[in-house]
Structure formats: structure tokens, C-alpha cells
Amino acid sequence: MMKEEKVNDVFYVGYEGQPEILILFENPTQKNVLKMWNGYFDTLLDLMCQYESTDNGILQEYYAHEGWYEESPWEIQDLDSAIHLFKSFNVSKVTGEQIENVKNIVPTLPEVAHQISTFLELGKTNGCSVYIEYD
């Protein structure tokens, strides 16, 4: 039986053909995918590196350019800390200079962070491993 694939790609629309990042989890019947333009994901992590510790979790992988950059799909090791990280994204903690280069997408970032944390929570609730796939 083919798995039903449920894809949310609202944050990829308008960026077709550009690098994408997928966050996904699956259970026996369904594969859930959050697909977005890599620019959103990278910018989110980049900004969070300015005020969060990069000693562990997703920010450490991002900062060291490991994790999903080296092996894809890459399993998110600590879902709880990843959920907390994206939930606590706060654009007002970032200085003007850092957001100047990306100001056109800044208004969208809180919603992207919210969608990511919600998606991660859904995976956790379903008792699934959650993966990041980088294309």
C-alpha cells in the first residue's frame, strides 16, 4: 500500500527551483512533510545563532555546517530542544544590522518558526522520529 504523502509547501511557493529544505516524519500510513525555501530556514538559524547558544542541537549542526549538510535525511536528535528553539524565536533580539540584509523576508520568519515548532510537536505527539532533508 502506498503511503499517503501530506506536504505543506506554503513556504516554498514563489521559490520554485531554489534550494529547499524538508522537515518530515512518517508513520505506517502517512508521510508528513514541511517543505520550505532554504533561505527561510537558513536565515532563521542564522539569526538565532546571534542570541542563542550554539553549543548543542540544531544550532550547533548549523554553525558547524554538519548534520543535514553532511547526511540527508538527518534525524533531529533532541526534539524537545528543537521545539523550544523555534518556539522562542524572537526577531526583536536581533540587531538591525543583522536583519538589514534579509529585511524583505523578516516579516515572514515568525510564522515560519511557528510552523516548524508546530510540525515538530506533531511528530513528537505521534511518537515519530523527525528528519531534515536538504536538497
N, C-alpha and C. Protein backbone atom coordinates (compact mmCIF):
# COMPACT_ATOMS: atom_id res chain seq x y z
N MET A 1 0.85 -1.20 0.00
CA MET A 1 0.00 0.00 0.00
C MET A 1 0.88 1.25 0.00
N MET A 2 0.55 2.18 -0.84
CA MET A 2 1.32 3.43 -0.91
C MET A 2 0.97 4.31 0.28
N LYS A 3 2.00 4.92 0.84
CA LYS A 3 1.76 5.86 1.92
C LYS A 3 1.17 7.14 1.35
N GLU A 4 0.23 7.68 2.08
CA GLU A 4 -0.30 8.98 1.70
C GLU A 4 0.76 10.01 2.08
N GLU A 5 1.04 10.94 1.18
CA GLU A 5 2.02 11.96 1.49
C GLU A 5 1.32 13.30 1.67
N LYS A 6 1.54 13.90 2.83
CA LYS A 6 0.89 15.17 3.15
C LYS A 6 1.98 16.24 3.16
N VAL A 7 1.97 17.12 2.18
CA VAL A 7 3.02 18.13 2.06
C VAL A 7 2.48 19.53 2.28
N ASN A 8 3.11 20.25 3.18
CA ASN A 8 2.81 21.66 3.36
C ASN A 8 3.97 22.44 2.74
N ASP A 9 3.72 23.07 1.61
CA ASP A 9 4.81 23.77 0.92
C ASP A 9 4.53 25.26 0.76
N VAL A 10 3.72 25.79 1.71
CA VAL A 10 3.34 27.20 1.62
C VAL A 10 4.57 28.11 1.66
N PHE A 11 5.65 27.67 2.32
CA PHE A 11 6.86 28.50 2.39
C PHE A 11 7.88 28.16 1.30
N TYR A 12 7.39 27.44 0.28
CA TYR A 12 8.25 27.20 -0.89
C TYR A 12 7.66 27.88 -2.12
N VAL A 13 6.38 28.22 -2.02
CA VAL A 13 5.70 28.87 -3.15
C VAL A 13 6.41 30.18 -3.49
N GLY A 14 6.72 30.35 -4.77
CA GLY A 14 7.42 31.55 -5.20
C GLY A 14 8.93 31.37 -5.23
N TYR A 15 9.40 30.25 -4.68
CA TYR A 15 10.84 29.98 -4.68
C TYR A 15 11.16 28.69 -5.44
N GLU A 16 10.24 28.26 -6.28
CA GLU A 16 10.41 27.02 -7.04
C GLU A 16 11.76 27.06 -7.77
N GLY A 17 12.44 25.92 -7.72
CA GLY A 17 13.73 25.82 -8.40
C GLY A 17 14.89 26.24 -7.52
N GLN A 18 14.61 26.88 -6.39
CA GLN A 18 15.67 27.24 -5.46
C GLN A 18 15.85 26.12 -4.43
N PRO A 19 17.00 26.14 -3.72
CA PRO A 19 17.24 25.06 -2.74
C PRO A 19 16.10 24.96 -1.73
N GLU A 20 15.74 23.73 -1.42
CA GLU A 20 14.64 23.52 -0.49
C GLU A 20 15.13 22.70 0.69
N ILE A 21 14.41 22.83 1.78
CA ILE A 21 14.68 22.01 2.94
C ILE A 21 13.37 21.35 3.34
N LEU A 22 13.44 20.09 3.69
CA LEU A 22 12.24 19.37 4.09
C LEU A 22 12.40 18.93 5.54
N ILE A 23 11.35 19.10 6.31
CA ILE A 23 11.30 18.51 7.64
C ILE A 23 10.20 17.46 7.54
N LEU A 24 10.48 16.24 7.97
CA LEU A 24 9.50 15.19 7.74
C LEU A 24 9.48 14.12 8.83
N PHE A 25 8.33 13.51 8.96
CA PHE A 25 8.20 12.32 9.80
C PHE A 25 7.15 11.44 9.16
N GLU A 26 7.25 10.13 9.43
CA GLU A 26 6.24 9.24 8.87
C GLU A 26 5.83 8.18 9.86
N ASN A 27 4.58 7.79 9.72
CA ASN A 27 4.07 6.64 10.46
C ASN A 27 3.71 5.60 9.40
N PRO A 28 3.19 4.44 9.80
CA PRO A 28 2.94 3.39 8.80
C PRO A 28 2.04 3.80 7.63
N THR A 29 1.16 4.76 7.85
CA THR A 29 0.21 5.07 6.77
C THR A 29 0.47 6.39 6.07
N GLN A 30 1.23 7.26 6.71
CA GLN A 30 1.34 8.61 6.17
C GLN A 30 2.71 9.22 6.36
N LYS A 31 3.12 9.96 5.34
CA LYS A 31 4.37 10.71 5.43
C LYS A 31 4.01 12.19 5.47
N ASN A 32 4.48 12.88 6.50
CA ASN A 32 4.19 14.30 6.65
C ASN A 32 5.42 15.13 6.33
N VAL A 33 5.25 16.10 5.47
CA VAL A 33 6.39 16.89 5.01
C VAL A 33 6.10 18.38 5.14
N LEU A 34 7.04 19.09 5.74
CA LEU A 34 7.01 20.55 5.75
C LEU A 34 8.15 20.97 4.83
N LYS A 35 7.78 21.56 3.71
CA LYS A 35 8.78 21.88 2.69
C LYS A 35 8.91 23.39 2.59
N MET A 36 10.13 23.89 2.65
CA MET A 36 10.30 25.34 2.58
C MET A 36 11.55 25.73 1.80
N TRP A 37 11.55 26.97 1.40
CA TRP A 37 12.73 27.54 0.76
C TRP A 37 13.85 27.57 1.79
N ASN A 38 15.02 27.09 1.38
CA ASN A 38 16.15 27.02 2.31
C ASN A 38 16.55 28.40 2.86
N GLY A 39 16.28 29.44 2.11
CA GLY A 39 16.60 30.79 2.56
C GLY A 39 15.89 31.16 3.86
N TYR A 40 14.65 30.71 4.02
CA TYR A 40 13.93 30.97 5.27
C TYR A 40 14.60 30.25 6.44
N PHE A 41 14.87 28.96 6.20
CA PHE A 41 15.41 28.11 7.25
C PHE A 41 16.80 28.60 7.68
N ASP A 42 17.64 28.85 6.69
CA ASP A 42 19.00 29.34 6.96
C ASP A 42 18.98 30.67 7.70
N THR A 43 18.12 31.58 7.27
CA THR A 43 18.05 32.90 7.89
C THR A 43 17.57 32.78 9.33
N LEU A 44 16.57 31.94 9.56
CA LEU A 44 16.08 31.71 10.92
C LEU A 44 17.21 31.26 11.83
N LEU A 45 17.93 30.23 11.38
CA LEU A 45 19.01 29.67 12.21
C LEU A 45 20.12 30.70 12.38
N ASP A 46 20.41 31.40 11.32
CA ASP A 46 21.46 32.42 11.35
C ASP A 46 21.15 33.49 12.41
N LEU A 47 19.90 33.96 12.40
CA LEU A 47 19.52 34.99 13.36
C LEU A 47 19.51 34.44 14.79
N MET A 48 19.07 33.20 14.95
CA MET A 48 19.02 32.62 16.29
C MET A 48 20.43 32.38 16.85
N CYS A 49 21.38 32.16 15.97
CA CYS A 49 22.78 32.00 16.41
C CYS A 49 23.29 33.27 17.09
N GLN A 50 22.65 34.41 16.82
CA GLN A 50 23.10 35.68 17.40
C GLN A 50 22.75 35.79 18.88
N TYR A 51 21.69 35.08 19.31
CA TYR A 51 21.28 35.25 20.71
C TYR A 51 21.06 33.94 21.46
N GLU A 52 21.19 32.81 20.77
CA GLU A 52 21.05 31.52 21.45
C GLU A 52 22.41 30.83 21.49
N SER A 53 22.56 29.88 22.39
CA SER A 53 23.81 29.11 22.46
C SER A 53 23.93 28.19 21.24
N THR A 54 25.13 28.11 20.69
CA THR A 54 25.34 27.19 19.56
C THR A 54 26.09 25.95 20.04
N ASP A 55 25.97 25.65 21.32
CA ASP A 55 26.71 24.53 21.89
C ASP A 55 26.06 23.17 21.66
N ASN A 56 24.81 23.17 21.29
CA ASN A 56 24.18 21.87 21.06
C ASN A 56 22.99 22.01 20.13
N GLY A 57 22.44 20.86 19.77
CA GLY A 57 21.22 20.83 18.99
C GLY A 57 21.38 21.35 17.57
N ILE A 58 20.29 21.78 17.02
CA ILE A 58 20.23 22.19 15.62
C ILE A 58 21.18 23.35 15.33
N LEU A 59 21.29 24.30 16.26
CA LEU A 59 22.17 25.45 16.01
C LEU A 59 23.64 25.03 15.92
N GLN A 60 24.00 24.03 16.71
CA GLN A 60 25.39 23.54 16.64
C GLN A 60 25.66 22.92 15.27
N GLU A 61 24.71 22.12 14.79
CA GLU A 61 24.86 21.49 13.48
C GLU A 61 24.95 22.57 12.39
N TYR A 62 24.10 23.56 12.53
CA TYR A 62 24.08 24.64 11.53
C TYR A 62 25.39 25.42 11.54
N TYR A 63 25.81 25.77 12.76
CA TYR A 63 27.01 26.59 12.94
C TYR A 63 28.25 25.88 12.41
N ALA A 64 28.31 24.57 12.65
CA ALA A 64 29.46 23.79 12.21
C ALA A 64 29.29 23.28 10.78
N HIS A 65 28.14 23.56 10.20
CA HIS A 65 27.80 23.10 8.86
C HIS A 65 27.87 21.58 8.77
N GLU A 66 27.32 20.92 9.79
CA GLU A 66 27.26 19.46 9.80
C GLU A 66 25.82 19.02 9.69
N GLY A 67 25.48 17.91 10.35
CA GLY A 67 24.09 17.48 10.34
C GLY A 67 23.57 17.25 8.94
N TRP A 68 22.46 17.93 8.61
CA TRP A 68 21.80 17.72 7.32
C TRP A 68 22.65 18.18 6.14
N TYR A 69 23.68 18.99 6.38
CA TYR A 69 24.57 19.38 5.28
C TYR A 69 25.44 18.21 4.84
N GLU A 70 25.72 17.31 5.80
CA GLU A 70 26.61 16.19 5.52
C GLU A 70 25.86 14.92 5.16
N GLU A 71 24.79 14.67 5.89
CA GLU A 71 24.00 13.48 5.59
C GLU A 71 22.53 13.84 5.58
N SER A 72 21.87 13.44 4.54
CA SER A 72 20.46 13.73 4.40
C SER A 72 19.74 12.45 4.01
N PRO A 73 18.64 12.09 4.63
CA PRO A 73 17.99 12.77 5.75
C PRO A 73 18.77 12.63 7.06
N TRP A 74 18.69 13.67 7.88
CA TRP A 74 19.37 13.71 9.17
C TRP A 74 18.32 13.77 10.26
N GLU A 75 18.45 12.89 11.25
CA GLU A 75 17.45 12.86 12.32
C GLU A 75 17.71 13.94 13.35
N ILE A 76 16.68 14.69 13.70
CA ILE A 76 16.80 15.68 14.78
C ILE A 76 16.97 14.92 16.09
N GLN A 77 18.11 15.13 16.72
CA GLN A 77 18.48 14.33 17.90
C GLN A 77 17.62 14.67 19.11
N ASP A 78 17.42 15.92 19.38
CA ASP A 78 16.68 16.34 20.57
C ASP A 78 15.47 17.18 20.15
N LEU A 79 14.36 16.49 19.98
CA LEU A 79 13.14 17.17 19.51
C LEU A 79 12.69 18.26 20.46
N ASP A 80 12.77 17.99 21.77
CA ASP A 80 12.30 18.97 22.75
C ASP A 80 13.05 20.29 22.63
N SER A 81 14.37 20.20 22.51
CA SER A 81 15.14 21.44 22.43
C SER A 81 14.90 22.14 21.09
N ALA A 82 14.68 21.37 20.03
CA ALA A 82 14.38 21.97 18.73
C ALA A 82 13.02 22.69 18.78
N ILE A 83 12.05 22.06 19.41
CA ILE A 83 10.72 22.68 19.55
C ILE A 83 10.84 23.98 20.33
N HIS A 84 11.57 23.91 21.44
CA HIS A 84 11.75 25.10 22.27
C HIS A 84 12.46 26.22 21.50
N LEU A 85 13.47 25.84 20.74
CA LEU A 85 14.24 26.80 19.97
C LEU A 85 13.35 27.59 19.00
N PHE A 86 12.58 26.88 18.19
CA PHE A 86 11.74 27.55 17.20
C PHE A 86 10.57 28.29 17.84
N LYS A 87 10.08 27.76 18.97
CA LYS A 87 9.00 28.44 19.68
C LYS A 87 9.47 29.78 20.23
N SER A 88 10.73 29.84 20.65
CA SER A 88 11.21 31.05 21.30
C SER A 88 11.91 32.00 20.34
N PHE A 89 11.76 31.74 19.03
CA PHE A 89 12.34 32.67 18.05
C PHE A 89 11.80 34.07 18.30
N ASN A 90 12.70 35.02 18.39
CA ASN A 90 12.28 36.38 18.69
C ASN A 90 13.09 37.36 17.86
N VAL A 91 12.46 37.90 16.85
CA VAL A 91 13.17 38.75 15.91
C VAL A 91 13.65 40.04 16.57
N SER A 92 13.01 40.42 17.68
CA SER A 92 13.41 41.68 18.33
C SER A 92 14.73 41.53 19.09
N LYS A 93 15.22 40.29 19.23
CA LYS A 93 16.51 40.08 19.90
C LYS A 93 17.68 40.27 18.94
N VAL A 94 17.36 40.46 17.67
CA VAL A 94 18.40 40.55 16.66
C VAL A 94 18.63 42.01 16.31
N THR A 95 19.90 42.38 16.19
CA THR A 95 20.19 43.79 15.90
C THR A 95 19.85 44.15 14.47
N GLY A 96 19.61 45.43 14.27
CA GLY A 96 19.21 45.95 12.97
C GLY A 96 20.16 45.59 11.86
N GLU A 97 21.45 45.64 12.18
CA GLU A 97 22.46 45.37 11.16
C GLU A 97 22.33 43.95 10.62
N GLN A 98 22.04 43.01 11.52
CA GLN A 98 21.96 41.61 11.13
C GLN A 98 20.73 41.33 10.26
N ILE A 99 19.67 42.09 10.49
CA ILE A 99 18.47 41.81 9.69
C ILE A 99 18.37 42.70 8.45
N GLU A 100 19.26 43.66 8.36
CA GLU A 100 19.22 44.59 7.23
C GLU A 100 19.27 43.84 5.89
N ASN A 101 20.17 42.85 5.80
CA ASN A 101 20.35 42.12 4.53
C ASN A 101 19.17 41.22 4.17
N VAL A 102 18.37 40.89 5.16
CA VAL A 102 17.28 39.93 4.92
C VAL A 102 15.92 40.54 5.24
N LYS A 103 15.87 41.87 5.29
CA LYS A 103 14.66 42.50 5.82
C LYS A 103 13.40 42.20 5.00
N ASN A 104 13.59 41.87 3.72
CA ASN A 104 12.41 41.56 2.91
C ASN A 104 11.69 40.29 3.36
N ILE A 105 12.42 39.35 3.99
CA ILE A 105 11.75 38.12 4.44
C ILE A 105 11.48 38.11 5.95
N VAL A 106 12.01 39.11 6.67
CA VAL A 106 11.84 39.14 8.12
C VAL A 106 10.38 39.04 8.57
N PRO A 107 9.44 39.75 7.92
CA PRO A 107 8.04 39.66 8.37
C PRO A 107 7.49 38.23 8.35
N THR A 108 8.03 37.39 7.49
CA THR A 108 7.54 36.02 7.36
C THR A 108 8.15 35.07 8.38
N LEU A 109 9.32 35.42 8.91
CA LEU A 109 10.08 34.48 9.74
C LEU A 109 9.36 33.99 11.00
N PRO A 110 8.66 34.87 11.76
CA PRO A 110 7.97 34.34 12.93
C PRO A 110 6.95 33.25 12.58
N GLU A 111 6.28 33.42 11.45
CA GLU A 111 5.29 32.43 11.02
C GLU A 111 5.99 31.14 10.58
N VAL A 112 7.15 31.27 9.93
CA VAL A 112 7.92 30.08 9.56
C VAL A 112 8.34 29.32 10.82
N ALA A 113 8.87 30.05 11.80
CA ALA A 113 9.31 29.43 13.06
C ALA A 113 8.14 28.74 13.75
N HIS A 114 6.99 29.39 13.74
CA HIS A 114 5.79 28.83 14.36
C HIS A 114 5.37 27.53 13.67
N GLN A 115 5.38 27.55 12.35
CA GLN A 115 5.01 26.35 11.58
C GLN A 115 5.98 25.21 11.87
N ILE A 116 7.28 25.53 11.98
CA ILE A 116 8.27 24.49 12.26
C ILE A 116 8.02 23.88 13.64
N SER A 117 7.85 24.73 14.65
CA SER A 117 7.66 24.19 16.00
C SER A 117 6.37 23.36 16.08
N THR A 118 5.32 23.82 15.43
CA THR A 118 4.06 23.08 15.41
C THR A 118 4.24 21.72 14.74
N PHE A 119 4.98 21.71 13.64
CA PHE A 119 5.23 20.47 12.90
C PHE A 119 6.06 19.50 13.74
N LEU A 120 7.09 20.02 14.41
CA LEU A 120 7.93 19.18 15.27
C LEU A 120 7.11 18.58 16.42
N GLU A 121 6.22 19.40 16.97
CA GLU A 121 5.35 18.92 18.06
C GLU A 121 4.43 17.80 17.58
N LEU A 122 3.95 17.95 16.37
CA LEU A 122 3.08 16.93 15.78
C LEU A 122 3.84 15.61 15.65
N GLY A 123 5.08 15.69 15.19
CA GLY A 123 5.91 14.49 15.07
C GLY A 123 6.13 13.85 16.42
N LYS A 124 6.40 14.68 17.42
CA LYS A 124 6.64 14.17 18.77
C LYS A 124 5.39 13.50 19.33
N THR A 125 4.26 14.16 19.18
CA THR A 125 2.98 13.62 19.64
C THR A 125 2.70 12.26 19.01
N ASN A 126 3.10 12.12 17.75
CA ASN A 126 2.88 10.86 17.04
C ASN A 126 3.96 9.82 17.35
N GLY A 127 4.90 10.18 18.21
CA GLY A 127 5.96 9.26 18.59
C GLY A 127 6.91 8.93 17.45
N CYS A 128 7.07 9.87 16.52
CA CYS A 128 7.90 9.62 15.34
C CYS A 128 9.26 10.29 15.47
N SER A 129 10.23 9.72 14.76
CA SER A 129 11.49 10.43 14.57
C SER A 129 11.27 11.48 13.50
N VAL A 130 11.89 12.64 13.67
CA VAL A 130 11.72 13.72 12.70
C VAL A 130 13.06 13.96 12.01
N TYR A 131 13.00 14.12 10.71
CA TYR A 131 14.21 14.25 9.91
C TYR A 131 14.25 15.56 9.15
N ILE A 132 15.47 16.01 8.88
CA ILE A 132 15.66 17.16 7.99
C ILE A 132 16.32 16.63 6.74
N GLU A 133 15.75 16.99 5.61
CA GLU A 133 16.31 16.61 4.32
C GLU A 133 16.69 17.88 3.57
N TYR A 134 17.92 17.92 3.12
CA TYR A 134 18.41 19.11 2.43
C TYR A 134 18.66 18.75 0.99
N ASP A 135 18.06 19.52 0.11
CA ASP A 135 18.16 19.19 -1.30
C ASP A 135 19.16 20.12 -1.98
